[in-house]
Structures are given as C-alpha cells and as structure tokens.
C-alpha cells in the first residue's frame, strides 16, 4: 500500500502520506506477487480519499500491470527488453517484489550484482527511476531491526549497489509502550524512514496508521514521559491527523 500511495502521488495524486511534494510524471507499477483483485481493493480504498479530479489525474498518470503468474525474469533478454520499453517515457517504475523478477540465488553476490546492473541499465537508457520492493530478513524482523540498512534479505549487494533505500517497520511492543499505544492497536502502526540516500537530503522518519482498506495516513503520537526509568502504565488515545 505504501508503494501504491507513493506511485499515485508521483503520478499526479495528493500527498496522503505528507512526505512532501515531488515532481510528477508517468508511473508504472508492476505487482508480480499480489492478484489483480487485491490491487483493485487497494485502489478502491485509496479512491475514497481522492476528489474526482485527483482520481482522473491518477488514472491518466499511473499504469498498473499485474504480472502474477507470468514469471518475469529481468535476466532474460525478452523480459529485460520488455521492462525497458515499459520504463521508456516514465518517471518511475516500481517492481513488486524483487524476488518475483529473477530466479537467481539472492544470497550470492555475483548474480545479485547482475540483477541490480540490469535495473541500472534500464534507468540509464530511459531516464526512469526504478524502485523495487524487498523483504527484510526473518532475523532482523524478529529483533525489531527492520529499519537498518543490512536488514534486507540476501546478499549485501542489494544494499551496497543501490543509491536509495527506505524501510517500513511494524510497531514493536517496546515502541508501543514508549508511545502510549495499547497493544490491541499496535498492529495498525508502522514506522517509515530512509536508511540510505546517496543523492538526497536526510529524511525524518515518521509513523503511519492503517485506516480502512489499509490506507496509510500520518499518525500523531505523543511520547510517554519516563518516571524513574519506568514508563507509565496509562495508555493515551492515539489519533490520526484527520481526526484532530
């Protein structure tokens, strides 16, 4: 949903995430993991937050082409050429997820360097930026380290050879206590930030809250004061910006 909302914004839609204004341009989003029905439900949920004019702008600027079941492989010449044609004339292409766009061993640096190299070639030839979604390793997720650069699953090449990396991390129990969020509500909150940005300024991490349909919006959290090193037991109500 985060990737879809960012794609929608760059394609001409509103900044629902409040991450700042970006230059707009045509976007292509290629989900190879989720079925079309799931994408349709997400778009329907997002559409409820857009005006008719904004929906029209997104419809014109964002192309979504589900690839589930088609086994795309960027290392195959036909797929490489097809992805290059898809990127031509666009500002951004999103691949969802990386594992679905190759058949190489993600733990081996050589093949992963070649996969990243193929993306670099497409970006260099077309001028289109490419963002791929990738999973964090299970060990990083278990210890709550999903916001670290090296949390990415597989070879370190997947971090070293890219120019920009962001993360989306679920709220841990410790963070819930720190921010005064009841444990029953913890699953609705995610933390977003940028862990690597070679060509941009620093980005302050922020919290989002899942709303109906999974739509993410900024959450307003108040850090709980610590008395003698112990967090207060009382839980405060957490509200999103549109409820204030």
C-alpha atoms as a PDB file:
ATOM      1  CA  UNK A   1       0.000   0.000   0.000  1.00  0.00           C
ATOM      2  CA  UNK A   2       2.852   2.399   0.751  1.00  0.00           C
ATOM      3  CA  UNK A   3       4.349   1.841  -2.701  1.00  0.00           C
ATOM      4  CA  UNK A   4       0.956   2.279  -4.316  1.00  0.00           C
ATOM      5  CA  UNK A   5       0.335   5.539  -2.477  1.00  0.00           C
ATOM      6  CA  UNK A   6       3.739   6.900  -3.481  1.00  0.00           C
ATOM      7  CA  UNK A   7       3.137   5.828  -7.079  1.00  0.00           C
ATOM      8  CA  UNK A   8      -0.234   7.545  -7.027  1.00  0.00           C
ATOM      9  CA  UNK A   9       1.276  10.763  -5.647  1.00  0.00           C
ATOM     10  CA  UNK A  10       4.055  10.949  -8.238  1.00  0.00           C
ATOM     11  CA  UNK A  11       1.528  10.186 -10.969  1.00  0.00           C
ATOM     12  CA  UNK A  12      -0.384  13.350 -10.036  1.00  0.00           C
ATOM     13  CA  UNK A  13      -2.383  12.412  -6.948  1.00  0.00           C
ATOM     14  CA  UNK A  14      -2.425  14.029  -3.489  1.00  0.00           C
ATOM     15  CA  UNK A  15       0.212  13.645  -0.791  1.00  0.00           C
ATOM     16  CA  UNK A  16      -1.812  11.485   1.613  1.00  0.00           C
ATOM     17  CA  UNK A  17       1.363  10.439   3.411  1.00  0.00           C
ATOM     18  CA  UNK A  18       2.520  14.036   3.944  1.00  0.00           C
ATOM     19  CA  UNK A  19       6.057  13.156   2.861  1.00  0.00           C
ATOM     20  CA  UNK A  20       6.443  16.317   0.773  1.00  0.00           C
ATOM     21  CA  UNK A  21       5.869  17.375  -2.799  1.00  0.00           C
ATOM     22  CA  UNK A  22       7.741  15.634  -5.623  1.00  0.00           C
ATOM     23  CA  UNK A  23       7.965  16.356  -9.351  1.00  0.00           C
ATOM     24  CA  UNK A  24       5.163  14.440 -11.033  1.00  0.00           C
ATOM     25  CA  UNK A  25       5.305  12.258 -14.095  1.00  0.00           C
ATOM     26  CA  UNK A  26       4.021   8.985 -15.561  1.00  0.00           C
ATOM     27  CA  UNK A  27       4.459   5.952 -13.313  1.00  0.00           C
ATOM     28  CA  UNK A  28       4.220   2.227 -13.999  1.00  0.00           C
ATOM     29  CA  UNK A  29       3.615  -0.157 -11.102  1.00  0.00           C
ATOM     30  CA  UNK A  30       4.297  -3.849 -11.744  1.00  0.00           C
ATOM     31  CA  UNK A  31       2.936  -6.098  -8.971  1.00  0.00           C
ATOM     32  CA  UNK A  32       4.055  -9.681  -9.506  1.00  0.00           C
ATOM     33  CA  UNK A  33       3.112 -11.006  -6.062  1.00  0.00           C
ATOM     34  CA  UNK A  34      -0.495  -9.936  -5.446  1.00  0.00           C
ATOM     35  CA  UNK A  35      -3.522 -10.910  -7.574  1.00  0.00           C
ATOM     36  CA  UNK A  36      -5.446  -8.235  -9.500  1.00  0.00           C
ATOM     37  CA  UNK A  37      -8.348  -8.471  -7.023  1.00  0.00           C
ATOM     38  CA  UNK A  38      -6.087  -7.372  -4.156  1.00  0.00           C
ATOM     39  CA  UNK A  39      -4.783  -4.428  -6.199  1.00  0.00           C
ATOM     40  CA  UNK A  40      -8.353  -3.496  -7.105  1.00  0.00           C
ATOM     41  CA  UNK A  41      -9.379  -3.424  -3.420  1.00  0.00           C
ATOM     42  CA  UNK A  42      -6.431  -1.183  -2.547  1.00  0.00           C
ATOM     43  CA  UNK A  43      -7.227   1.210  -5.375  1.00  0.00           C
ATOM     44  CA  UNK A  44     -10.878   1.304  -4.306  1.00  0.00           C
ATOM     45  CA  UNK A  45      -9.850   2.166  -0.734  1.00  0.00           C
ATOM     46  CA  UNK A  46      -7.493   4.885  -1.971  1.00  0.00           C
ATOM     47  CA  UNK A  47     -10.090   6.308  -4.316  1.00  0.00           C
ATOM     48  CA  UNK A  48     -12.312   7.202  -1.359  1.00  0.00           C
ATOM     49  CA  UNK A  49      -9.664   9.745  -0.285  1.00  0.00           C
ATOM     50  CA  UNK A  50      -9.386  11.427  -3.700  1.00  0.00           C
ATOM     51  CA  UNK A  51     -11.515  14.014  -5.427  1.00  0.00           C
ATOM     52  CA  UNK A  52     -12.919  13.282  -8.863  1.00  0.00           C
ATOM     53  CA  UNK A  53     -10.221  15.494 -10.401  1.00  0.00           C
ATOM     54  CA  UNK A  54      -7.462  13.699  -8.488  1.00  0.00           C
ATOM     55  CA  UNK A  55      -8.809  10.285  -9.494  1.00  0.00           C
ATOM     56  CA  UNK A  56      -8.743  11.354 -13.134  1.00  0.00           C
ATOM     57  CA  UNK A  57      -5.158  12.609 -12.838  1.00  0.00           C
ATOM     58  CA  UNK A  58      -4.042   9.314 -11.282  1.00  0.00           C
ATOM     59  CA  UNK A  59      -5.895   7.302 -13.921  1.00  0.00           C
ATOM     60  CA  UNK A  60      -4.014   9.176 -16.634  1.00  0.00           C
ATOM     61  CA  UNK A  61      -0.593   9.116 -14.954  1.00  0.00           C
ATOM     62  CA  UNK A  62      -0.432   5.671 -13.317  1.00  0.00           C
ATOM     63  CA  UNK A  63      -0.339   2.386 -15.207  1.00  0.00           C
ATOM     64  CA  UNK A  64      -0.685  -0.809 -13.172  1.00  0.00           C
ATOM     65  CA  UNK A  65       0.148  -4.087 -14.894  1.00  0.00           C
ATOM     66  CA  UNK A  66      -0.252  -7.181 -12.666  1.00  0.00           C
ATOM     67  CA  UNK A  67       2.324  -9.841 -13.579  1.00  0.00           C
ATOM     68  CA  UNK A  68       1.394 -12.601 -11.144  1.00  0.00           C
ATOM     69  CA  UNK A  69       1.708 -15.986 -12.813  1.00  0.00           C
ATOM     70  CA  UNK A  70       3.795 -14.636 -15.696  1.00  0.00           C
ATOM     71  CA  UNK A  71       7.173 -15.326 -14.056  1.00  0.00           C
ATOM     72  CA  UNK A  72       9.039 -12.165 -15.082  1.00  0.00           C
ATOM     73  CA  UNK A  73      12.815 -12.525 -15.158  1.00  0.00           C
ATOM     74  CA  UNK A  74      14.937  -9.432 -15.681  1.00  0.00           C
ATOM     75  CA  UNK A  75      17.910 -11.643 -16.539  1.00  0.00           C
ATOM     76  CA  UNK A  76      16.020 -13.000 -19.560  1.00  0.00           C
ATOM     77  CA  UNK A  77      16.642 -10.827 -22.623  1.00  0.00           C
ATOM     78  CA  UNK A  78      12.982 -10.721 -23.654  1.00  0.00           C
ATOM     79  CA  UNK A  79      11.883  -9.597 -20.177  1.00  0.00           C
ATOM     80  CA  UNK A  80      14.761  -7.121 -19.942  1.00  0.00           C
ATOM     81  CA  UNK A  81      13.734  -5.536 -23.236  1.00  0.00           C
ATOM     82  CA  UNK A  82      10.083  -5.546 -22.184  1.00  0.00           C
ATOM     83  CA  UNK A  83      10.832  -3.800 -18.897  1.00  0.00           C
ATOM     84  CA  UNK A  84      12.943  -1.245 -20.742  1.00  0.00           C
ATOM     85  CA  UNK A  85      10.031  -0.489 -23.076  1.00  0.00           C
ATOM     86  CA  UNK A  86       7.704  -0.202 -20.076  1.00  0.00           C
ATOM     87  CA  UNK A  87      10.063   2.313 -18.425  1.00  0.00           C
ATOM     88  CA  UNK A  88      10.506   4.476 -21.526  1.00  0.00           C
ATOM     89  CA  UNK A  89       8.924   7.900 -21.110  1.00  0.00           C
ATOM     90  CA  UNK A  90       8.119   7.345 -17.423  1.00  0.00           C
ATOM     91  CA  UNK A  91       9.424   8.988 -14.300  1.00  0.00           C
ATOM     92  CA  UNK A  92       9.162   5.938 -12.055  1.00  0.00           C
ATOM     93  CA  UNK A  93       8.807   2.163 -12.317  1.00  0.00           C
ATOM     94  CA  UNK A  94       8.030   0.062  -9.233  1.00  0.00           C
ATOM     95  CA  UNK A  95       8.797  -3.676  -9.163  1.00  0.00           C
ATOM     96  CA  UNK A  96       6.808  -5.580  -6.541  1.00  0.00           C
ATOM     97  CA  UNK A  97       8.656  -7.598  -5.298  1.00  0.00           C
ATOM     98  CA  UNK A  98      12.301  -8.157  -6.289  1.00  0.00           C
ATOM     99  CA  UNK A  99      12.089 -11.915  -5.657  1.00  0.00           C
ATOM    100  CA  UNK A 100       9.413 -12.149  -8.372  1.00  0.00           C
ATOM    101  CA  UNK A 101      11.610 -10.551 -11.045  1.00  0.00           C
ATOM    102  CA  UNK A 102      14.514 -13.004 -11.123  1.00  0.00           C
ATOM    103  CA  UNK A 103      15.314 -16.643 -10.434  1.00  0.00           C
ATOM    104  CA  UNK A 104      18.835 -16.203  -9.057  1.00  0.00           C
ATOM    105  CA  UNK A 105      20.101 -17.069  -5.580  1.00  0.00           C
ATOM    106  CA  UNK A 106      19.630 -13.906  -3.522  1.00  0.00           C
ATOM    107  CA  UNK A 107      22.428 -14.871  -1.155  1.00  0.00           C
ATOM    108  CA  UNK A 108      25.113 -14.905  -3.867  1.00  0.00           C
ATOM    109  CA  UNK A 109      26.694 -11.546  -4.632  1.00  0.00           C
ATOM    110  CA  UNK A 110      27.568 -12.191  -8.295  1.00  0.00           C
ATOM    111  CA  UNK A 111      24.052 -12.913  -9.591  1.00  0.00           C
ATOM    112  CA  UNK A 112      22.571 -10.156  -7.417  1.00  0.00           C
ATOM    113  CA  UNK A 113      25.069  -7.655  -8.796  1.00  0.00           C
ATOM    114  CA  UNK A 114      23.922  -8.630 -12.286  1.00  0.00           C
ATOM    115  CA  UNK A 115      20.255  -8.189 -11.349  1.00  0.00           C
ATOM    116  CA  UNK A 116      20.932  -4.712  -9.966  1.00  0.00           C
ATOM    117  CA  UNK A 117      23.057  -3.999 -13.033  1.00  0.00           C
ATOM    118  CA  UNK A 118      20.127  -4.774 -15.309  1.00  0.00           C
ATOM    119  CA  UNK A 119      17.994  -2.237 -13.439  1.00  0.00           C
ATOM    120  CA  UNK A 120      20.769   0.347 -13.662  1.00  0.00           C
ATOM    121  CA  UNK A 121      20.969  -0.209 -17.408  1.00  0.00           C
ATOM    122  CA  UNK A 122      17.226   0.376 -17.806  1.00  0.00           C
ATOM    123  CA  UNK A 123      17.386   3.521 -15.687  1.00  0.00           C
ATOM    124  CA  UNK A 124      20.398   4.855 -17.587  1.00  0.00           C
ATOM    125  CA  UNK A 125      18.866   4.194 -21.019  1.00  0.00           C
ATOM    126  CA  UNK A 126      15.379   5.522 -20.256  1.00  0.00           C
ATOM    127  CA  UNK A 127      15.870   8.127 -17.513  1.00  0.00           C
ATOM    128  CA  UNK A 128      13.257   6.286 -15.449  1.00  0.00           C
ATOM    129  CA  UNK A 129      13.917   5.712 -11.755  1.00  0.00           C
ATOM    130  CA  UNK A 130      13.352   2.158 -10.553  1.00  0.00           C
ATOM    131  CA  UNK A 131      12.225   1.195  -7.065  1.00  0.00           C
ATOM    132  CA  UNK A 132      11.936  -2.455  -6.107  1.00  0.00           C
ATOM    133  CA  UNK A 133      10.208  -3.775  -3.005  1.00  0.00           C
ATOM    134  CA  UNK A 134      12.160  -6.300  -0.978  1.00  0.00           C
ATOM    135  CA  UNK A 135      11.626  -8.258   2.214  1.00  0.00           C
ATOM    136  CA  UNK A 136      13.643  -7.896   5.400  1.00  0.00           C
ATOM    137  CA  UNK A 137      15.351 -10.977   6.759  1.00  0.00           C
ATOM    138  CA  UNK A 138      13.480 -13.001   9.368  1.00  0.00           C
ATOM    139  CA  UNK A 139      16.224 -12.448  11.936  1.00  0.00           C
ATOM    140  CA  UNK A 140      16.070  -8.662  11.511  1.00  0.00           C
ATOM    141  CA  UNK A 141      12.287  -8.718  11.815  1.00  0.00           C
ATOM    142  CA  UNK A 142      12.402 -10.840  14.966  1.00  0.00           C
ATOM    143  CA  UNK A 143      14.725  -8.449  16.810  1.00  0.00           C
ATOM    144  CA  UNK A 144      12.974  -5.309  15.577  1.00  0.00           C
ATOM    145  CA  UNK A 145      15.879  -4.194  13.366  1.00  0.00           C
ATOM    146  CA  UNK A 146      13.930  -3.805  10.142  1.00  0.00           C
ATOM    147  CA  UNK A 147      14.962  -0.162   9.896  1.00  0.00           C
ATOM    148  CA  UNK A 148      18.654  -0.959   9.425  1.00  0.00           C
ATOM    149  CA  UNK A 149      20.327  -0.962   6.009  1.00  0.00           C
ATOM    150  CA  UNK A 150      21.550  -4.531   6.396  1.00  0.00           C
ATOM    151  CA  UNK A 151      18.096  -5.803   7.363  1.00  0.00           C
ATOM    152  CA  UNK A 152      17.468  -6.643   3.715  1.00  0.00           C
ATOM    153  CA  UNK A 153      17.268 -10.334   2.961  1.00  0.00           C
ATOM    154  CA  UNK A 154      20.066 -11.839   0.875  1.00  0.00           C
ATOM    155  CA  UNK A 155      23.399 -10.553  -0.360  1.00  0.00           C
ATOM    156  CA  UNK A 156      24.777  -7.222   0.863  1.00  0.00           C
ATOM    157  CA  UNK A 157      24.984  -6.237  -2.814  1.00  0.00           C
ATOM    158  CA  UNK A 158      21.272  -5.477  -2.644  1.00  0.00           C
ATOM    159  CA  UNK A 159      22.153  -2.638  -0.276  1.00  0.00           C
ATOM    160  CA  UNK A 160      25.651  -1.675  -1.426  1.00  0.00           C
ATOM    161  CA  UNK A 161      24.839  -1.340  -5.142  1.00  0.00           C
ATOM    162  CA  UNK A 162      21.685   0.754  -4.835  1.00  0.00           C
ATOM    163  CA  UNK A 163      21.509   4.509  -4.317  1.00  0.00           C
ATOM    164  CA  UNK A 164      18.392   4.824  -2.125  1.00  0.00           C
ATOM    165  CA  UNK A 165      16.731   2.605   0.456  1.00  0.00           C
ATOM    166  CA  UNK A 166      13.737   3.109   2.716  1.00  0.00           C
ATOM    167  CA  UNK A 167      12.049   0.873   5.260  1.00  0.00           C
ATOM    168  CA  UNK A 168       8.596   0.184   6.638  1.00  0.00           C
ATOM    169  CA  UNK A 169       8.675  -1.416  10.072  1.00  0.00           C
ATOM    170  CA  UNK A 170       5.840  -2.570  12.284  1.00  0.00           C
ATOM    171  CA  UNK A 171       5.499  -1.128  15.790  1.00  0.00           C
ATOM    172  CA  UNK A 172       7.199  -3.289  18.398  1.00  0.00           C
ATOM    173  CA  UNK A 173       5.840  -3.867  21.889  1.00  0.00           C
ATOM    174  CA  UNK A 174       8.560  -1.648  23.335  1.00  0.00           C
ATOM    175  CA  UNK A 175       7.672   1.158  20.915  1.00  0.00           C
ATOM    176  CA  UNK A 176       4.001   0.779  21.772  1.00  0.00           C
ATOM    177  CA  UNK A 177       4.805   1.310  25.453  1.00  0.00           C
ATOM    178  CA  UNK A 178       7.044   4.253  24.585  1.00  0.00           C
ATOM    179  CA  UNK A 179       4.345   5.956  22.530  1.00  0.00           C
ATOM    180  CA  UNK A 180       1.375   5.033  24.693  1.00  0.00           C
ATOM    181  CA  UNK A 181      -0.321   2.737  22.183  1.00  0.00           C
ATOM    182  CA  UNK A 182      -2.495  -0.058  23.513  1.00  0.00           C
ATOM    183  CA  UNK A 183      -1.224  -3.478  22.486  1.00  0.00           C
ATOM    184  CA  UNK A 184      -4.519  -4.242  20.742  1.00  0.00           C
ATOM    185  CA  UNK A 185      -3.901  -1.248  18.429  1.00  0.00           C
ATOM    186  CA  UNK A 186      -0.189  -1.846  17.841  1.00  0.00           C
ATOM    187  CA  UNK A 187      -0.698  -3.682  14.550  1.00  0.00           C
ATOM    188  CA  UNK A 188      -2.203  -0.572  12.953  1.00  0.00           C
ATOM    189  CA  UNK A 189       1.020   1.449  13.257  1.00  0.00           C
ATOM    190  CA  UNK A 190       4.113   1.326  11.045  1.00  0.00           C
ATOM    191  CA  UNK A 191       7.299   3.369  11.053  1.00  0.00           C
ATOM    192  CA  UNK A 192       8.682   4.700   7.780  1.00  0.00           C
ATOM    193  CA  UNK A 193      12.084   6.174   7.104  1.00  0.00           C
ATOM    194  CA  UNK A 194      15.021   6.326   4.708  1.00  0.00           C
ATOM    195  CA  UNK A 195      18.102   4.319   5.635  1.00  0.00           C
ATOM    196  CA  UNK A 196      20.199   5.236   2.570  1.00  0.00           C
ATOM    197  CA  UNK A 197      20.063   8.296   0.331  1.00  0.00           C
ATOM    198  CA  UNK A 198      23.176   8.913  -1.739  1.00  0.00           C
ATOM    199  CA  UNK A 199      21.744  11.809  -3.728  1.00  0.00           C
ATOM    200  CA  UNK A 200      19.273  13.417  -1.335  1.00  0.00           C
ATOM    201  CA  UNK A 201      18.954  15.205   1.976  1.00  0.00           C
ATOM    202  CA  UNK A 202      18.148  13.369   5.223  1.00  0.00           C
ATOM    203  CA  UNK A 203      14.536  12.323   5.760  1.00  0.00           C
ATOM    204  CA  UNK A 204      12.991  12.341   9.229  1.00  0.00           C
ATOM    205  CA  UNK A 205      11.271   9.046   9.989  1.00  0.00           C
ATOM    206  CA  UNK A 206       7.570   9.141  10.791  1.00  0.00           C
ATOM    207  CA  UNK A 207       4.689   6.978  11.955  1.00  0.00           C
ATOM    208  CA  UNK A 208       1.740   5.974   9.805  1.00  0.00           C
ATOM    209  CA  UNK A 209      -1.549   4.436  10.868  1.00  0.00           C
ATOM    210  CA  UNK A 210      -3.513   1.932   8.784  1.00  0.00           C
ATOM    211  CA  UNK A 211      -7.059   3.044   8.040  1.00  0.00           C
ATOM    212  CA  UNK A 212      -9.949   1.283   6.350  1.00  0.00           C
ATOM    213  CA  UNK A 213      -8.751  -0.695   3.363  1.00  0.00           C
ATOM    214  CA  UNK A 214      -5.142  -0.438   4.524  1.00  0.00           C
ATOM    215  CA  UNK A 215      -4.705   3.229   3.507  1.00  0.00           C
ATOM    216  CA  UNK A 216      -1.766   4.773   5.358  1.00  0.00           C
ATOM    217  CA  UNK A 217      -2.001   8.229   6.896  1.00  0.00           C
ATOM    218  CA  UNK A 218       0.299  10.119   9.278  1.00  0.00           C
ATOM    219  CA  UNK A 219      -0.240   9.295  12.938  1.00  0.00           C
ATOM    220  CA  UNK A 220       0.134  11.856  15.727  1.00  0.00           C
ATOM    221  CA  UNK A 221       1.881  10.125  18.627  1.00  0.00           C
ATOM    222  CA  UNK A 222       2.893  11.561  21.970  1.00  0.00           C
ATOM    223  CA  UNK A 223       5.942  10.040  23.603  1.00  0.00           C
ATOM    224  CA  UNK A 224       5.207   8.934  27.154  1.00  0.00           C
ATOM    225  CA  UNK A 225       7.240  10.525  29.924  1.00  0.00           C
ATOM    226  CA  UNK A 226       9.514   8.270  31.910  1.00  0.00           C
ATOM    227  CA  UNK A 227       9.402   8.447  35.708  1.00  0.00           C
ATOM    228  CA  UNK A 228      12.413   6.864  37.468  1.00  0.00           C
ATOM    229  CA  UNK A 229      13.183   4.885  34.349  1.00  0.00           C
ATOM    230  CA  UNK A 230       9.721   3.284  34.219  1.00  0.00           C
ATOM    231  CA  UNK A 231       7.131   4.052  31.585  1.00  0.00           C
ATOM    232  CA  UNK A 232       3.670   4.968  32.930  1.00  0.00           C
ATOM    233  CA  UNK A 233       1.047   2.263  32.768  1.00  0.00           C
ATOM    234  CA  UNK A 234      -1.645   4.586  31.446  1.00  0.00           C
ATOM    235  CA  UNK A 235      -2.292   4.353  27.710  1.00  0.00           C
ATOM    236  CA  UNK A 236      -3.256   7.502  25.855  1.00  0.00           C
ATOM    237  CA  UNK A 237      -5.569   7.641  22.871  1.00  0.00           C
ATOM    238  CA  UNK A 238      -3.754   7.898  19.556  1.00  0.00           C
ATOM    239  CA  UNK A 239      -5.347   9.848  16.744  1.00  0.00           C
ATOM    240  CA  UNK A 240      -4.560  10.375  13.094  1.00  0.00           C
ATOM    241  CA  UNK A 241      -4.245  13.866  11.627  1.00  0.00           C
ATOM    242  CA  UNK A 242      -7.682  13.801  10.042  1.00  0.00           C
ATOM    243  CA  UNK A 243      -9.256  13.153  13.455  1.00  0.00           C
ATOM    244  CA  UNK A 244      -7.683  16.225  15.067  1.00  0.00           C
END
